[in-house]
């Protein structure tokens, strides 16, 4: 099962000295996104795809169903191998609201 001890350790932050050409960073939302419950978000990952093999970038939309203890729960979850990928709020402004950490088997969108 999922232990509270592992929640919050599925992220790394890399700070670059110089800008990367052709890449526009997405700002990180720093407050709890309680207003996102019931709203759509975008997840990006390289895990198992619903239509094929893992290892190819895949983007999908989901709906946030709950926020408990800093953990966002979604109607559709990520696929195996997507951990570490961003959860992105698209509107009113594009911001990273979380990091994919775990999903339930068989619920890959």
N, C-alpha and C. Protein backbone atom coordinates (compact mmCIF):
# COMPACT_ATOMS: atom_id res chain seq x y z
N UNK A 1 0.80 -1.18 0.00
CA UNK A 1 0.00 0.00 0.00
C UNK A 1 0.85 1.25 0.00
N UNK A 2 0.20 2.37 -0.13
CA UNK A 2 0.89 3.65 -0.17
C UNK A 2 1.09 4.16 1.25
N UNK A 3 2.31 4.41 1.62
CA UNK A 3 2.63 4.91 2.95
C UNK A 3 2.83 6.41 2.90
N UNK A 4 2.33 7.13 3.90
CA UNK A 4 2.51 8.58 3.97
C UNK A 4 3.97 8.97 3.96
N UNK A 5 4.85 8.04 4.33
CA UNK A 5 6.28 8.34 4.38
C UNK A 5 6.87 8.60 3.00
N UNK A 6 6.24 8.08 1.93
CA UNK A 6 6.83 8.27 0.61
C UNK A 6 6.21 9.44 -0.15
N UNK A 7 5.11 9.98 0.33
CA UNK A 7 4.48 11.10 -0.36
C UNK A 7 5.38 12.31 -0.26
N UNK A 8 5.61 12.96 -1.38
CA UNK A 8 6.41 14.18 -1.39
C UNK A 8 7.87 13.96 -1.71
N UNK A 9 8.28 12.72 -1.99
CA UNK A 9 9.69 12.48 -2.30
C UNK A 9 9.89 12.10 -3.76
N UNK A 10 8.90 12.32 -4.59
CA UNK A 10 8.96 11.92 -5.99
C UNK A 10 9.23 13.12 -6.88
N UNK A 11 10.11 14.01 -6.44
CA UNK A 11 10.37 15.22 -7.21
C UNK A 11 11.83 15.63 -7.05
N UNK A 12 12.36 16.19 -8.10
CA UNK A 12 13.69 16.78 -8.06
C UNK A 12 13.63 18.15 -8.72
N UNK A 13 14.43 19.06 -8.27
CA UNK A 13 14.46 20.41 -8.84
C UNK A 13 15.87 20.65 -9.37
N UNK A 14 15.94 21.11 -10.59
CA UNK A 14 17.20 21.41 -11.24
C UNK A 14 17.23 22.90 -11.54
N UNK A 15 18.22 23.59 -11.02
CA UNK A 15 18.35 25.02 -11.26
C UNK A 15 19.53 25.22 -12.21
N UNK A 16 19.23 25.80 -13.37
CA UNK A 16 20.25 26.00 -14.40
C UNK A 16 20.86 27.38 -14.29
N UNK A 17 22.14 27.47 -14.52
CA UNK A 17 22.84 28.75 -14.47
C UNK A 17 22.45 29.62 -15.66
N UNK A 18 22.25 29.01 -16.83
CA UNK A 18 21.93 29.75 -18.05
C UNK A 18 20.59 29.30 -18.61
N UNK A 19 19.93 30.20 -19.35
CA UNK A 19 18.69 29.85 -20.03
C UNK A 19 18.96 28.79 -21.09
N UNK A 20 17.93 28.01 -21.41
CA UNK A 20 18.02 27.01 -22.47
C UNK A 20 17.26 27.56 -23.67
N UNK A 21 17.92 27.62 -24.82
CA UNK A 21 17.29 28.17 -26.02
C UNK A 21 16.09 27.32 -26.44
N UNK A 22 15.01 28.00 -26.82
CA UNK A 22 13.83 27.33 -27.33
C UNK A 22 12.94 26.70 -26.27
N UNK A 23 13.22 26.96 -25.00
CA UNK A 23 12.42 26.38 -23.91
C UNK A 23 11.86 27.52 -23.06
N UNK A 24 10.55 27.53 -22.90
CA UNK A 24 9.90 28.52 -22.05
C UNK A 24 9.48 27.82 -20.76
N UNK A 25 10.06 28.20 -19.62
CA UNK A 25 9.69 27.54 -18.36
C UNK A 25 8.23 27.78 -18.01
N UNK A 26 7.62 26.82 -17.33
CA UNK A 26 6.26 26.96 -16.83
C UNK A 26 6.37 27.31 -15.35
N UNK A 27 5.79 28.44 -14.92
CA UNK A 27 5.88 28.81 -13.50
C UNK A 27 5.25 27.75 -12.60
N UNK A 28 5.74 27.66 -11.37
CA UNK A 28 5.22 26.72 -10.38
C UNK A 28 4.23 27.45 -9.48
N UNK A 29 3.05 26.89 -9.35
CA UNK A 29 2.06 27.45 -8.43
C UNK A 29 2.46 27.02 -7.02
N UNK A 30 2.62 27.96 -6.12
CA UNK A 30 3.16 27.65 -4.80
C UNK A 30 2.10 27.51 -3.71
N UNK A 31 0.86 27.93 -3.97
CA UNK A 31 -0.20 27.75 -2.98
C UNK A 31 -0.93 26.44 -3.24
N UNK A 32 -1.71 25.97 -2.27
CA UNK A 32 -2.51 24.76 -2.48
C UNK A 32 -3.60 25.05 -3.49
N UNK A 33 -3.69 24.26 -4.55
CA UNK A 33 -4.67 24.54 -5.61
C UNK A 33 -6.07 24.03 -5.30
N UNK A 34 -6.63 24.43 -4.15
CA UNK A 34 -7.97 23.96 -3.76
C UNK A 34 -9.03 24.34 -4.79
N UNK A 35 -8.83 25.46 -5.48
CA UNK A 35 -9.79 25.89 -6.50
C UNK A 35 -9.78 24.97 -7.72
N UNK A 36 -8.83 24.04 -7.79
CA UNK A 36 -8.73 23.14 -8.93
C UNK A 36 -9.59 21.88 -8.78
N UNK A 37 -10.18 21.65 -7.59
CA UNK A 37 -11.03 20.47 -7.41
C UNK A 37 -12.20 20.57 -8.39
N UNK A 38 -12.38 19.53 -9.19
CA UNK A 38 -13.41 19.51 -10.22
C UNK A 38 -12.95 20.11 -11.54
N UNK A 39 -11.72 20.63 -11.58
CA UNK A 39 -11.20 21.27 -12.79
C UNK A 39 -10.27 20.32 -13.55
N UNK A 40 -10.06 20.64 -14.81
CA UNK A 40 -9.20 19.84 -15.68
C UNK A 40 -7.75 20.28 -15.56
N UNK A 41 -6.84 19.31 -15.63
CA UNK A 41 -5.41 19.57 -15.65
C UNK A 41 -4.80 18.73 -16.77
N UNK A 42 -3.56 19.02 -17.12
CA UNK A 42 -2.83 18.26 -18.12
C UNK A 42 -1.67 17.55 -17.44
N UNK A 43 -1.50 16.26 -17.73
CA UNK A 43 -0.36 15.49 -17.24
C UNK A 43 0.51 15.11 -18.43
N UNK A 44 1.83 15.14 -18.21
CA UNK A 44 2.78 14.78 -19.26
C UNK A 44 3.72 13.72 -18.70
N UNK A 45 3.98 12.67 -19.49
CA UNK A 45 4.88 11.63 -19.04
C UNK A 45 5.43 10.80 -20.18
N UNK A 46 6.30 9.88 -19.83
CA UNK A 46 6.94 8.99 -20.80
C UNK A 46 6.67 7.53 -20.44
N UNK A 47 5.65 7.27 -19.62
CA UNK A 47 5.34 5.91 -19.17
C UNK A 47 4.52 5.14 -20.18
N UNK A 48 3.90 4.06 -19.69
CA UNK A 48 3.06 3.21 -20.52
C UNK A 48 1.94 4.04 -21.15
N UNK A 49 1.73 3.88 -22.43
CA UNK A 49 0.67 4.62 -23.13
C UNK A 49 -0.55 3.74 -23.29
N UNK A 50 -1.75 4.35 -23.31
CA UNK A 50 -2.95 3.54 -23.51
C UNK A 50 -3.00 2.91 -24.91
N UNK A 51 -2.25 3.49 -25.86
CA UNK A 51 -2.30 3.01 -27.24
C UNK A 51 -0.98 2.43 -27.72
N UNK A 52 -0.07 2.09 -26.79
CA UNK A 52 1.20 1.55 -27.26
C UNK A 52 2.25 1.48 -26.17
N UNK A 53 3.52 1.41 -26.59
CA UNK A 53 4.61 1.18 -25.65
C UNK A 53 5.00 2.43 -24.85
N UNK A 54 5.75 2.18 -23.79
CA UNK A 54 6.30 3.26 -22.97
C UNK A 54 7.49 3.89 -23.67
N UNK A 55 7.91 5.06 -23.18
CA UNK A 55 9.12 5.70 -23.69
C UNK A 55 8.87 6.84 -24.64
N UNK A 56 7.63 7.03 -25.07
CA UNK A 56 7.29 8.15 -25.95
C UNK A 56 6.50 9.18 -25.14
N UNK A 57 6.78 10.45 -25.36
CA UNK A 57 6.09 11.51 -24.62
C UNK A 57 4.59 11.42 -24.89
N UNK A 58 3.82 11.51 -23.82
CA UNK A 58 2.37 11.43 -23.92
C UNK A 58 1.76 12.50 -23.04
N UNK A 59 0.72 13.15 -23.53
CA UNK A 59 0.02 14.19 -22.78
C UNK A 59 -1.44 13.82 -22.71
N UNK A 60 -2.02 13.94 -21.52
CA UNK A 60 -3.43 13.64 -21.36
C UNK A 60 -4.06 14.56 -20.34
N UNK A 61 -5.37 14.70 -20.42
CA UNK A 61 -6.10 15.55 -19.48
C UNK A 61 -6.81 14.69 -18.45
N UNK A 62 -6.94 15.22 -17.25
CA UNK A 62 -7.66 14.56 -16.17
C UNK A 62 -8.42 15.60 -15.38
N UNK A 63 -9.21 15.14 -14.41
CA UNK A 63 -9.98 16.02 -13.55
C UNK A 63 -9.56 15.76 -12.11
N UNK A 64 -9.29 16.82 -11.37
CA UNK A 64 -8.90 16.69 -9.96
C UNK A 64 -10.16 16.45 -9.14
N UNK A 65 -10.15 15.34 -8.38
CA UNK A 65 -11.34 14.98 -7.60
C UNK A 65 -11.23 15.37 -6.13
N UNK A 66 -10.00 15.50 -5.62
CA UNK A 66 -9.85 15.81 -4.20
C UNK A 66 -8.43 16.32 -3.93
N UNK A 67 -8.27 17.01 -2.82
CA UNK A 67 -6.96 17.47 -2.34
C UNK A 67 -6.93 17.20 -0.85
N UNK A 68 -6.07 16.27 -0.44
CA UNK A 68 -5.98 15.89 0.97
C UNK A 68 -4.52 15.79 1.37
N UNK A 69 -4.13 16.51 2.40
CA UNK A 69 -2.76 16.45 2.89
C UNK A 69 -1.73 16.81 1.85
N UNK A 70 -2.06 17.73 0.95
CA UNK A 70 -1.14 18.15 -0.09
C UNK A 70 -1.07 17.21 -1.28
N UNK A 71 -1.90 16.16 -1.30
CA UNK A 71 -1.91 15.20 -2.40
C UNK A 71 -3.15 15.46 -3.26
N UNK A 72 -2.94 15.66 -4.57
CA UNK A 72 -4.04 15.82 -5.52
C UNK A 72 -4.49 14.45 -5.99
N UNK A 73 -5.78 14.18 -5.92
CA UNK A 73 -6.34 12.93 -6.43
C UNK A 73 -7.10 13.25 -7.70
N UNK A 74 -7.03 12.36 -8.68
CA UNK A 74 -7.62 12.63 -9.98
C UNK A 74 -8.61 11.55 -10.39
N UNK A 75 -9.51 11.93 -11.29
CA UNK A 75 -10.47 10.97 -11.85
C UNK A 75 -9.75 9.97 -12.73
N UNK A 76 -8.84 10.45 -13.55
CA UNK A 76 -8.01 9.57 -14.37
C UNK A 76 -6.60 9.69 -13.83
N UNK A 77 -5.92 8.57 -13.72
CA UNK A 77 -4.59 8.62 -13.15
C UNK A 77 -3.53 8.49 -14.23
N UNK A 78 -2.32 8.63 -13.79
CA UNK A 78 -1.18 8.49 -14.68
C UNK A 78 -0.95 7.02 -14.98
N UNK A 79 -0.11 6.76 -15.95
CA UNK A 79 0.24 5.38 -16.29
C UNK A 79 1.57 5.00 -15.63
N UNK A 80 1.84 3.71 -15.56
CA UNK A 80 3.09 3.24 -15.00
C UNK A 80 4.25 3.88 -15.75
N UNK A 81 5.21 4.45 -15.01
CA UNK A 81 6.37 5.09 -15.61
C UNK A 81 6.24 6.59 -15.77
N UNK A 82 5.07 7.17 -15.46
CA UNK A 82 4.86 8.61 -15.60
C UNK A 82 5.28 9.40 -14.36
N UNK A 83 5.63 8.73 -13.27
CA UNK A 83 6.00 9.43 -12.04
C UNK A 83 7.09 10.46 -12.31
N UNK A 84 6.94 11.60 -11.68
CA UNK A 84 7.90 12.69 -11.85
C UNK A 84 7.49 13.70 -12.89
N UNK A 85 6.49 13.36 -13.71
CA UNK A 85 6.02 14.28 -14.74
C UNK A 85 5.12 15.37 -14.14
N UNK A 86 5.01 16.51 -14.82
CA UNK A 86 4.23 17.62 -14.28
C UNK A 86 2.72 17.44 -14.43
N UNK A 87 2.00 18.03 -13.48
CA UNK A 87 0.55 18.21 -13.56
C UNK A 87 0.37 19.71 -13.79
N UNK A 88 -0.25 20.08 -14.90
CA UNK A 88 -0.26 21.48 -15.33
C UNK A 88 -1.68 22.04 -15.36
N UNK A 89 -1.85 23.18 -14.71
CA UNK A 89 -3.09 23.96 -14.79
C UNK A 89 -2.96 24.81 -16.05
N UNK A 90 -3.92 24.72 -16.96
CA UNK A 90 -3.83 25.45 -18.23
C UNK A 90 -4.46 26.84 -18.16
N UNK A 91 -5.47 27.03 -17.30
CA UNK A 91 -6.16 28.33 -17.23
C UNK A 91 -6.47 28.66 -15.78
N UNK A 92 -6.53 29.91 -15.39
CA UNK A 92 -6.44 31.11 -16.22
C UNK A 92 -5.03 31.41 -16.70
N UNK A 93 -4.01 30.86 -16.02
CA UNK A 93 -2.65 30.98 -16.54
C UNK A 93 -1.97 29.63 -16.36
N UNK A 94 -1.09 29.29 -17.28
CA UNK A 94 -0.43 27.98 -17.28
C UNK A 94 0.59 27.91 -16.15
N UNK A 95 0.39 26.95 -15.22
CA UNK A 95 1.30 26.77 -14.09
C UNK A 95 1.37 25.30 -13.71
N UNK A 96 2.53 24.87 -13.21
CA UNK A 96 2.67 23.52 -12.67
C UNK A 96 2.02 23.52 -11.29
N UNK A 97 1.06 22.59 -11.09
CA UNK A 97 0.36 22.52 -9.80
C UNK A 97 0.76 21.29 -9.00
N UNK A 98 1.48 20.37 -9.62
CA UNK A 98 1.88 19.17 -8.90
C UNK A 98 2.79 18.31 -9.74
N UNK A 99 3.21 17.20 -9.14
CA UNK A 99 4.08 16.23 -9.79
C UNK A 99 3.42 14.86 -9.65
N UNK A 100 3.28 14.15 -10.77
CA UNK A 100 2.68 12.82 -10.74
C UNK A 100 3.53 11.90 -9.88
N UNK A 101 2.87 11.15 -9.00
CA UNK A 101 3.62 10.30 -8.08
C UNK A 101 3.17 8.84 -8.11
N UNK A 102 1.88 8.59 -8.19
CA UNK A 102 1.41 7.20 -8.19
C UNK A 102 0.04 7.13 -8.83
N UNK A 103 -0.31 5.95 -9.29
CA UNK A 103 -1.62 5.73 -9.87
C UNK A 103 -2.12 4.36 -9.45
N UNK A 104 -3.37 4.09 -9.73
CA UNK A 104 -3.94 2.79 -9.40
C UNK A 104 -3.87 1.90 -10.63
N UNK A 105 -3.51 0.65 -10.41
CA UNK A 105 -3.41 -0.30 -11.52
C UNK A 105 -4.73 -0.39 -12.26
N UNK A 106 -4.67 -0.40 -13.57
CA UNK A 106 -5.86 -0.55 -14.39
C UNK A 106 -6.62 0.74 -14.65
N UNK A 107 -6.13 1.87 -14.12
CA UNK A 107 -6.86 3.12 -14.33
C UNK A 107 -6.12 4.07 -15.25
N UNK A 108 -5.18 3.55 -16.01
CA UNK A 108 -4.45 4.36 -16.98
C UNK A 108 -5.44 4.89 -18.01
N UNK A 109 -5.43 6.23 -18.24
CA UNK A 109 -6.42 6.78 -19.19
C UNK A 109 -6.25 6.27 -20.61
